[in-house]
Protein backbone atom coordinates (compact mmCIF):
# COMPACT_ATOMS: atom_id res chain seq x y z
CA UNK A 1 14.93 -20.71 -15.75
CA UNK A 2 11.37 -21.74 -15.85
CA UNK A 3 9.56 -20.63 -12.64
CA UNK A 4 6.27 -22.57 -11.58
CA UNK A 5 3.99 -21.36 -9.39
CA UNK A 6 0.56 -22.65 -7.73
CA UNK A 7 -1.96 -20.47 -6.42
CA UNK A 8 -0.81 -17.60 -8.86
CA UNK A 9 -4.23 -15.78 -8.59
CA UNK A 10 -3.96 -14.50 -5.20
CA UNK A 11 -2.40 -11.85 -3.37
CA UNK A 12 1.36 -13.11 -3.79
CA UNK A 13 1.08 -15.15 -7.02
CA UNK A 14 0.32 -11.69 -8.67
CA UNK A 15 3.43 -9.49 -6.78
CA UNK A 16 5.80 -12.44 -7.23
CA UNK A 17 4.46 -13.36 -11.13
CA UNK A 18 5.43 -9.25 -11.71
CA UNK A 19 8.78 -9.59 -10.65
CA UNK A 20 9.61 -12.73 -12.09
CA UNK A 21 8.92 -11.22 -15.15
CA UNK A 22 11.23 -7.86 -14.65
CA UNK A 23 14.02 -10.55 -14.12
CA UNK A 24 13.00 -12.34 -17.11
CA UNK A 25 12.08 -15.17 -16.00
CA UNK A 26 9.52 -17.90 -17.60
CA UNK A 27 6.67 -17.72 -15.42
CA UNK A 28 4.38 -20.87 -15.90
CA UNK A 29 1.15 -19.56 -13.10
CA UNK A 30 -1.14 -22.14 -12.00
CA UNK A 31 -4.60 -22.02 -10.44
CA UNK A 32 -7.95 -23.00 -9.45
CA UNK A 33 -10.14 -21.75 -12.68
CA UNK A 34 -8.83 -18.93 -15.68
CA UNK A 35 -5.99 -16.78 -15.10
CA UNK A 36 -6.67 -13.58 -13.56
CA UNK A 37 -3.31 -12.02 -14.19
CA UNK A 38 -3.10 -9.42 -16.51
CA UNK A 39 0.22 -10.72 -17.83
CA UNK A 40 -1.01 -12.76 -20.88
CA UNK A 41 0.88 -10.86 -23.56
CA UNK A 42 4.43 -11.39 -22.25
CA UNK A 43 6.13 -13.72 -23.63
CA UNK A 44 7.73 -15.31 -20.85
CA UNK A 45 4.29 -15.90 -18.95
CA UNK A 46 2.13 -18.87 -19.37
CA UNK A 47 -0.81 -19.67 -17.17
CA UNK A 48 -2.33 -23.21 -16.83
CA UNK A 49 -5.07 -24.14 -14.74
CA UNK A 50 -4.49 -26.42 -11.59
CA UNK A 51 -6.63 -27.05 -8.75
CA UNK A 52 -4.00 -29.00 -6.83
CA UNK A 53 -6.42 -31.41 -4.67
CA UNK A 54 -7.28 -33.31 -7.67
CA UNK A 55 -3.77 -34.87 -8.17
CA UNK A 56 -4.03 -36.70 -12.04
CA UNK A 57 -4.56 -32.70 -12.99
CA UNK A 58 -1.49 -31.80 -10.61
CA UNK A 59 1.04 -34.72 -11.63
CA UNK A 60 0.20 -33.65 -15.70
CA UNK A 61 0.88 -30.45 -15.42
CA UNK A 62 3.77 -29.79 -13.07
CA UNK A 63 5.46 -33.07 -15.63
CA UNK A 64 4.40 -30.79 -18.36
CA UNK A 65 6.00 -27.76 -17.56
CA UNK A 66 9.16 -29.21 -16.51
CA UNK A 67 10.26 -26.31 -14.02
CA UNK A 68 13.52 -25.70 -12.55
CA UNK A 69 11.53 -24.50 -9.54
CA UNK A 70 8.34 -24.63 -8.06
CA UNK A 71 7.00 -22.15 -6.00
CA UNK A 72 3.82 -23.61 -3.67
CA UNK A 73 1.51 -20.84 -2.22
CA UNK A 74 -1.72 -22.10 -3.20
CA UNK A 75 -3.05 -22.51 0.24
CA UNK A 76 -6.42 -22.15 1.99
CA UNK A 77 -5.43 -19.57 4.31
CA UNK A 78 -8.01 -18.36 6.41
CA UNK A 79 -8.10 -19.03 9.60
CA UNK A 80 -11.97 -19.20 10.50
CA UNK A 81 -12.33 -21.28 6.88
CA UNK A 82 -10.38 -23.88 8.05
CA UNK A 83 -11.38 -23.98 11.42
CA UNK A 84 -15.10 -24.37 10.38
CA UNK A 85 -14.01 -26.95 7.42
CA UNK A 86 -10.95 -29.09 8.56
CA UNK A 87 -11.70 -31.64 5.85
CA UNK A 88 -11.48 -29.12 2.89
CA UNK A 89 -8.45 -27.19 5.05
CA UNK A 90 -6.46 -30.28 5.10
CA UNK A 91 -7.47 -31.72 1.63
CA UNK A 92 -6.27 -27.79 -0.08
CA UNK A 93 -3.01 -27.95 2.10
CA UNK A 94 -1.81 -30.92 3.52
CA UNK A 95 -2.74 -33.25 0.61
CA UNK A 96 -2.76 -30.79 -2.06
CA UNK A 97 1.15 -30.08 -0.91
CA UNK A 98 2.10 -34.13 -0.93
CA UNK A 99 0.78 -33.99 -4.42
CA UNK A 100 2.52 -31.58 -6.03
CA UNK A 101 5.85 -32.33 -3.71
CA UNK A 102 5.51 -35.61 -4.92
CA UNK A 103 4.74 -34.48 -8.96
CA UNK A 104 8.16 -31.86 -8.58
CA UNK A 105 9.70 -35.13 -7.45
CA UNK A 106 9.18 -36.74 -10.49
CA UNK A 107 11.23 -33.72 -12.44
CA UNK A 108 13.31 -33.56 -9.52
CA UNK A 109 12.76 -28.96 -9.03
CA UNK A 110 13.76 -27.48 -6.32
CA UNK A 111 10.69 -27.03 -3.86
CA UNK A 112 10.30 -23.23 -2.05
CA UNK A 113 7.25 -23.95 -0.20
CA UNK A 114 5.24 -20.49 1.59
CA UNK A 115 4.37 -20.74 5.38
CA UNK A 116 2.81 -18.20 8.57
CA UNK A 117 3.50 -16.85 11.11
CA UNK A 118 1.17 -19.49 12.35
CA UNK A 119 2.75 -22.22 12.93
CA UNK A 120 3.48 -20.65 16.45
CA UNK A 121 1.42 -20.50 19.97
CA UNK A 122 1.87 -16.64 20.22
CA UNK A 123 3.42 -16.88 23.63
CA UNK A 124 7.17 -15.00 23.03
CA UNK A 125 7.05 -13.71 19.68
CA UNK A 126 9.57 -12.27 17.06
CA UNK A 127 10.57 -16.24 16.88
CA UNK A 128 13.69 -17.04 14.97
CA UNK A 129 13.91 -20.39 12.05
CA UNK A 130 14.93 -23.12 14.99
CA UNK A 131 12.41 -22.07 17.59
CA UNK A 132 9.76 -25.18 18.05
CA UNK A 133 6.15 -24.72 16.31
CA UNK A 134 2.83 -25.19 18.76
CA UNK A 135 -0.27 -23.43 16.45
CA UNK A 136 -3.04 -22.94 17.86
CA UNK A 137 -5.40 -23.15 15.45
CA UNK A 138 -6.43 -25.11 12.04
CA UNK A 139 -5.00 -23.37 10.11
CA UNK A 140 -1.18 -23.60 10.81
CA UNK A 141 -1.84 -26.86 11.85
CA UNK A 142 -2.12 -27.57 8.27
CA UNK A 143 0.32 -25.12 7.57
CA UNK A 144 3.21 -26.81 9.47
CA UNK A 145 1.66 -30.44 8.29
CA UNK A 146 2.77 -29.47 5.29
CA UNK A 147 6.53 -27.87 6.56
CA UNK A 148 6.93 -31.30 7.43
CA UNK A 149 6.03 -33.06 4.34
CA UNK A 150 8.26 -30.29 2.66
CA UNK A 151 11.35 -31.45 5.25
CA UNK A 152 10.58 -35.14 3.41
CA UNK A 153 11.40 -33.95 -0.30
CA UNK A 154 13.84 -36.32 -1.68
CA UNK A 155 15.69 -33.14 -3.55
CA UNK A 156 16.48 -29.71 -2.27
CA UNK A 157 13.75 -27.64 -1.15
CA UNK A 158 13.46 -23.95 1.20
CA UNK A 159 10.63 -22.54 3.40
CA UNK A 160 10.15 -18.84 3.63
CA UNK A 161 7.37 -17.79 6.50
CA UNK A 162 6.18 -14.37 6.51
CA UNK A 163 3.36 -12.64 9.07
CA UNK A 164 0.71 -10.45 7.75
CA UNK A 165 1.39 -9.52 4.32
CA UNK A 166 0.11 -6.19 2.95
CA UNK A 167 -0.10 -3.66 0.08
CA UNK A 168 -1.98 -3.14 -2.71
CA UNK A 169 -3.91 -6.12 -3.44
CA UNK A 170 -4.66 -6.56 -7.35
CA UNK A 171 -5.93 -9.38 -7.59
CA UNK A 172 -8.56 -8.08 -5.25
CA UNK A 173 -8.69 -9.48 -1.98
CA UNK A 174 -8.72 -6.62 0.80
CA UNK A 175 -6.22 -6.93 2.83
CA UNK A 176 -6.03 -4.53 6.75
CA UNK A 177 -4.64 -1.26 4.88
CA UNK A 178 -7.49 -1.90 2.36
CA UNK A 179 -10.16 -2.07 4.87
CA UNK A 180 -8.77 0.37 6.79
CA UNK A 181 -9.09 3.42 3.68
CA UNK A 182 -12.71 1.81 2.58
CA UNK A 183 -14.09 1.92 6.30
CA UNK A 184 -12.51 5.83 7.33
CA UNK A 185 -13.54 7.05 3.29
CA UNK A 186 -16.61 5.98 4.12
CA UNK A 187 -16.70 7.61 7.67
CA UNK A 188 -18.04 4.53 9.35
CA UNK A 189 -16.44 2.89 12.50
CA UNK A 190 -13.82 0.38 12.08
CA UNK A 191 -12.88 -2.36 15.20
CA UNK A 192 -9.32 -3.23 15.32
CA UNK A 193 -7.68 -5.65 17.55
CA UNK A 194 -4.57 -4.71 20.00
CA UNK A 195 -3.61 -7.67 21.81
CA UNK A 196 -1.81 -8.72 18.74
CA UNK A 197 1.72 -8.14 17.64
CA UNK A 198 3.11 -9.27 15.19
CA UNK A 199 5.71 -8.17 11.90
CA UNK A 200 3.94 -6.98 8.92
CA UNK A 201 5.30 -7.59 5.88
CA UNK A 202 4.88 -5.63 2.71
CA UNK A 203 4.12 -7.80 -0.37
CA UNK A 204 7.18 -6.85 -2.18
CA UNK A 205 8.87 -7.32 0.29
CA UNK A 206 7.76 -10.88 0.27
CA UNK A 207 8.25 -11.06 -3.32
CA UNK A 208 12.05 -10.08 -3.24
CA UNK A 209 12.67 -12.46 -0.70
CA UNK A 210 11.47 -15.26 -2.27
CA UNK A 211 13.16 -13.56 -5.38
CA UNK A 212 16.55 -14.18 -3.82
CA UNK A 213 15.62 -17.69 -2.92
CA UNK A 214 15.05 -18.76 -6.34
CA UNK A 215 18.19 -16.40 -7.44
CA UNK A 216 20.15 -18.61 -4.73
CA UNK A 217 18.60 -21.90 -3.85
CA UNK A 218 19.81 -22.42 -0.20
CA UNK A 219 18.37 -25.01 1.52
CA UNK A 220 15.70 -24.43 4.83
CA UNK A 221 13.28 -22.12 6.05
CA UNK A 222 13.86 -18.60 6.21
CA UNK A 223 12.03 -15.85 8.06
CA UNK A 224 10.83 -13.37 5.42
CA UNK A 225 8.49 -10.12 6.84
CA UNK A 226 8.97 -6.35 7.76
CA UNK A 227 11.24 -5.77 11.01
CA UNK A 228 8.88 -3.57 13.21
CA UNK A 229 6.18 -5.41 15.45
CA UNK A 230 3.36 -3.48 16.24
CA UNK A 231 -0.69 -4.61 16.49
CA UNK A 232 -3.25 -4.42 13.98
CA UNK A 233 -4.45 -1.27 15.52
CA UNK A 234 -1.30 0.51 15.79
CA UNK A 235 -1.21 -0.29 11.76
CA UNK A 236 -4.89 0.98 11.14
CA UNK A 237 -3.77 4.38 12.96
CA UNK A 238 -0.17 4.49 10.66
CA UNK A 239 -2.27 3.91 7.92
CA UNK A 240 -5.08 6.84 9.28
CA UNK A 241 -2.70 9.61 9.74
CA UNK A 242 -0.74 8.60 6.46
CA UNK A 243 -4.27 9.08 4.31
CA UNK A 244 -5.48 11.47 5.81
CA UNK A 245 -7.96 10.47 7.76
CA UNK A 246 -9.95 10.89 11.12
CA UNK A 247 -7.82 8.58 13.50
CA UNK A 248 -10.97 8.49 16.30
CA UNK A 249 -13.27 6.33 13.78
CA UNK A 250 -10.30 3.66 14.58
CA UNK A 251 -11.88 1.60 17.67
CA UNK A 252 -9.58 -0.23 19.89
CA UNK A 253 -10.55 -3.52 20.70
CA UNK A 254 -9.21 -6.72 21.88
CA UNK A 255 -9.48 -10.27 20.44
CA UNK A 256 -12.25 -11.25 22.80
CA UNK A 257 -14.57 -8.64 21.38
CA UNK A 258 -14.72 -11.13 17.81
CA UNK A 259 -16.80 -14.37 17.98
CA UNK A 260 -13.86 -15.86 15.88
CA UNK A 261 -14.11 -19.74 14.63
CA UNK A 262 -10.46 -20.00 14.95
CA UNK A 263 -8.00 -18.77 17.97
CA UNK A 264 -5.67 -16.20 17.11
CA UNK A 265 -1.26 -16.26 18.35
CA UNK A 266 -1.11 -13.15 20.09
CA UNK A 267 2.47 -12.69 19.93
CA UNK A 268 4.10 -13.83 16.58
CA UNK A 269 6.60 -11.46 14.35
CA UNK A 270 9.97 -13.00 13.16
CA UNK A 271 13.95 -11.94 14.00
CA UNK A 272 14.79 -12.05 10.09
CA UNK A 273 18.50 -12.53 10.90
CA UNK A 274 19.04 -14.71 8.91
CA UNK A 275 17.39 -13.95 5.80
CA UNK A 276 19.47 -10.66 6.04
CA UNK A 277 22.61 -12.08 6.10
CA UNK A 278 22.58 -14.77 3.65
CA UNK A 279 19.81 -13.55 0.93
CA UNK A 280 21.00 -9.91 1.65
CA UNK A 281 17.29 -9.39 2.49
CA UNK A 282 16.18 -5.93 3.50
CA UNK A 283 12.29 -4.93 4.16
CA UNK A 284 11.06 -1.65 3.78
CA UNK A 285 10.20 1.02 6.21
CA UNK A 286 6.33 0.48 7.16
CA UNK A 287 5.93 3.91 6.33
CA UNK A 288 7.35 3.84 3.20
CA UNK A 289 5.72 0.37 2.58
CA UNK A 290 2.30 2.81 3.11
CA UNK A 291 3.95 5.05 0.17
CA UNK A 292 4.30 2.41 -1.93
CA UNK A 293 0.90 0.58 -1.05
CA UNK A 294 -1.59 3.73 -2.46
CA UNK A 295 0.66 5.99 -4.21
CA UNK A 296 2.72 3.57 -6.63
CA UNK A 297 1.52 3.29 -10.14
């Protein structure tokens, strides 16, 4: 089995590539720019530079790769950047997805698209797969449009939605846990929102959930996330206590404290019953995720 991953230089790309290689799966990693993954010595690993906003490159490389499954994780994923640069966001998240889908269809690959809780309006939270979407920012809108394109794919497809991913980001970009550690070990005050509910997702759980989807090739949408609903502030407090840092340096604020271009949904989080029942997915508790984030070699 050959799996092609778009956006492989990112947080999920690193973790998923590592897991698939351990499973003995051939990985064709793609990304814009040079490879930042440390797997080049593995005979099952190959990296191909591929910018999804360049149609000719997408079609050429996907046809040459002839992968059985394409996992499309490449995206412009920072909500504020999407809000400030909507044309670029549309080019990457919508038109880029359309090109990858068209190229995938030319070889009949199974298509697995990574989506987000930000397709929902945040009014209720703990969303199930069939709940109606209603994005409140442009990032969520582009991901929803990409989902709709994926549902028109003429061959088998699946969609994995996730929420606020955390863990040891070896690819570089810090997530909330890394920011908490960095700020508190310097003795700096860190303002964290306490009016947004999420079900934080450990990166290795997300990779495992996607692996189960690759292995079983189910059709349709699956929510892959953690089980515990909490705010970013609660995540920060639990992280500080776990690491032995001064919790008093964490300042509880609400979303209105920050002048962010993109509105955030207040309550998201996912009901993961379907993934547990049909995929055998079971996320680790948040405390275990902290342990694996900071102490796993």
